[in-house]
Amino acid sequence: MTFKSIGQEIIEECVQASGHYPPFNSAHEGYAIILEELEELKTEIFKKQSNRDVRRMRKEAIQVGAMALRFVNDIAPK
């Protein structure tokens, strides 16, 4: 696993989400969606270590990255 391959997974998740949902309407909406994904990651992380699902944590972390990427694209393009 490399940063490049993880980045590709984040891009693929972002593209898939963009096909299902419209662009963020505002910075506040984008922030709320990122926060929602972060809370889902937090839920996994805060479980007792023996009950954590590493695959679920990974999936949620990729979704956080995808929504951050989408935020940049929809709200703060160069």
Protein backbone atom coordinates (compact mmCIF):
# COMPACT_ATOMS: atom_id res chain seq x y z
CA MET A 1 0.00 0.00 0.00
CA THR A 2 1.36 3.38 -1.00
CA PHE A 3 0.14 6.92 -0.57
CA LYS A 4 -0.48 6.95 -4.30
CA SER A 5 -2.75 3.89 -4.20
CA ILE A 6 -4.61 5.23 -1.15
CA GLY A 7 -5.01 8.56 -2.93
CA GLN A 8 -6.50 6.71 -5.89
CA GLU A 9 -9.05 5.06 -3.59
CA ILE A 10 -9.98 8.48 -2.19
CA ILE A 11 -10.40 9.86 -5.70
CA GLU A 12 -12.58 6.90 -6.71
CA GLU A 13 -14.76 7.38 -3.60
CA CYS A 14 -15.06 11.09 -4.38
CA VAL A 15 -16.06 10.44 -8.00
CA GLN A 16 -18.64 7.85 -6.91
CA ALA A 17 -20.16 10.20 -4.32
CA SER A 18 -20.22 13.02 -6.85
CA GLY A 19 -22.28 10.81 -9.15
CA HIS A 20 -24.87 10.23 -6.43
CA TYR A 21 -25.08 13.63 -4.76
CA PRO A 22 -25.09 17.22 -6.04
CA PRO A 23 -22.17 19.59 -5.34
CA PHE A 24 -21.95 21.16 -1.91
CA ASN A 25 -24.17 24.24 -1.75
CA SER A 26 -21.99 26.10 0.73
CA ALA A 27 -18.88 25.86 2.85
CA HIS A 28 -21.12 25.16 5.84
CA GLU A 29 -22.74 22.19 4.12
CA GLY A 30 -19.35 20.84 3.05
CA TYR A 31 -18.03 21.19 6.58
CA ALA A 32 -21.08 19.41 7.99
CA ILE A 33 -20.64 16.48 5.63
CA ILE A 34 -16.93 16.20 6.44
CA LEU A 35 -17.80 16.34 10.14
CA GLU A 36 -20.41 13.61 9.69
CA GLU A 37 -17.84 11.34 8.07
CA LEU A 38 -15.31 12.20 10.77
CA GLU A 39 -17.85 11.30 13.47
CA GLU A 40 -18.37 7.92 11.80
CA LEU A 41 -14.60 7.36 11.90
CA LYS A 42 -14.52 8.49 15.54
CA THR A 43 -17.25 5.95 16.40
CA GLU A 44 -15.02 3.15 15.14
CA ILE A 45 -11.87 4.51 16.77
CA PHE A 46 -13.50 5.00 20.18
CA LYS A 47 -14.66 1.39 20.39
CA LYS A 48 -12.85 -0.92 22.75
CA GLN A 49 -9.69 -1.92 20.87
CA SER A 50 -10.71 -5.58 20.71
CA ASN A 51 -14.01 -4.55 19.04
CA ARG A 52 -12.56 -2.22 16.42
CA ASP A 53 -13.01 -3.10 12.79
CA VAL A 54 -9.87 -2.00 10.94
CA ARG A 55 -11.59 -2.35 7.57
CA ARG A 56 -14.42 -0.09 8.75
CA MET A 57 -11.94 2.49 10.10
CA ARG A 58 -10.13 2.44 6.77
CA LYS A 59 -13.38 2.88 4.85
CA GLU A 60 -14.43 5.82 7.02
CA ALA A 61 -10.99 7.45 6.73
CA ILE A 62 -11.18 7.16 2.94
CA GLN A 63 -14.63 8.78 3.04
CA VAL A 64 -13.25 11.67 5.13
CA GLY A 65 -10.52 12.17 2.53
CA ALA A 66 -13.02 11.98 -0.32
CA MET A 67 -15.28 14.61 1.22
CA ALA A 68 -12.29 16.87 1.89
CA LEU A 69 -11.31 16.49 -1.77
CA ARG A 70 -14.87 17.26 -2.80
CA PHE A 71 -14.90 20.34 -0.55
CA VAL A 72 -11.84 21.70 -2.34
CA ASN A 73 -13.41 20.98 -5.73
CA ASP A 74 -16.89 22.37 -4.98
CA ILE A 75 -16.13 25.23 -2.61
CA ALA A 76 -12.50 26.27 -2.91
CA PRO A 77 -11.27 25.59 -6.45
CA LYS A 78 -8.08 27.31 -7.49
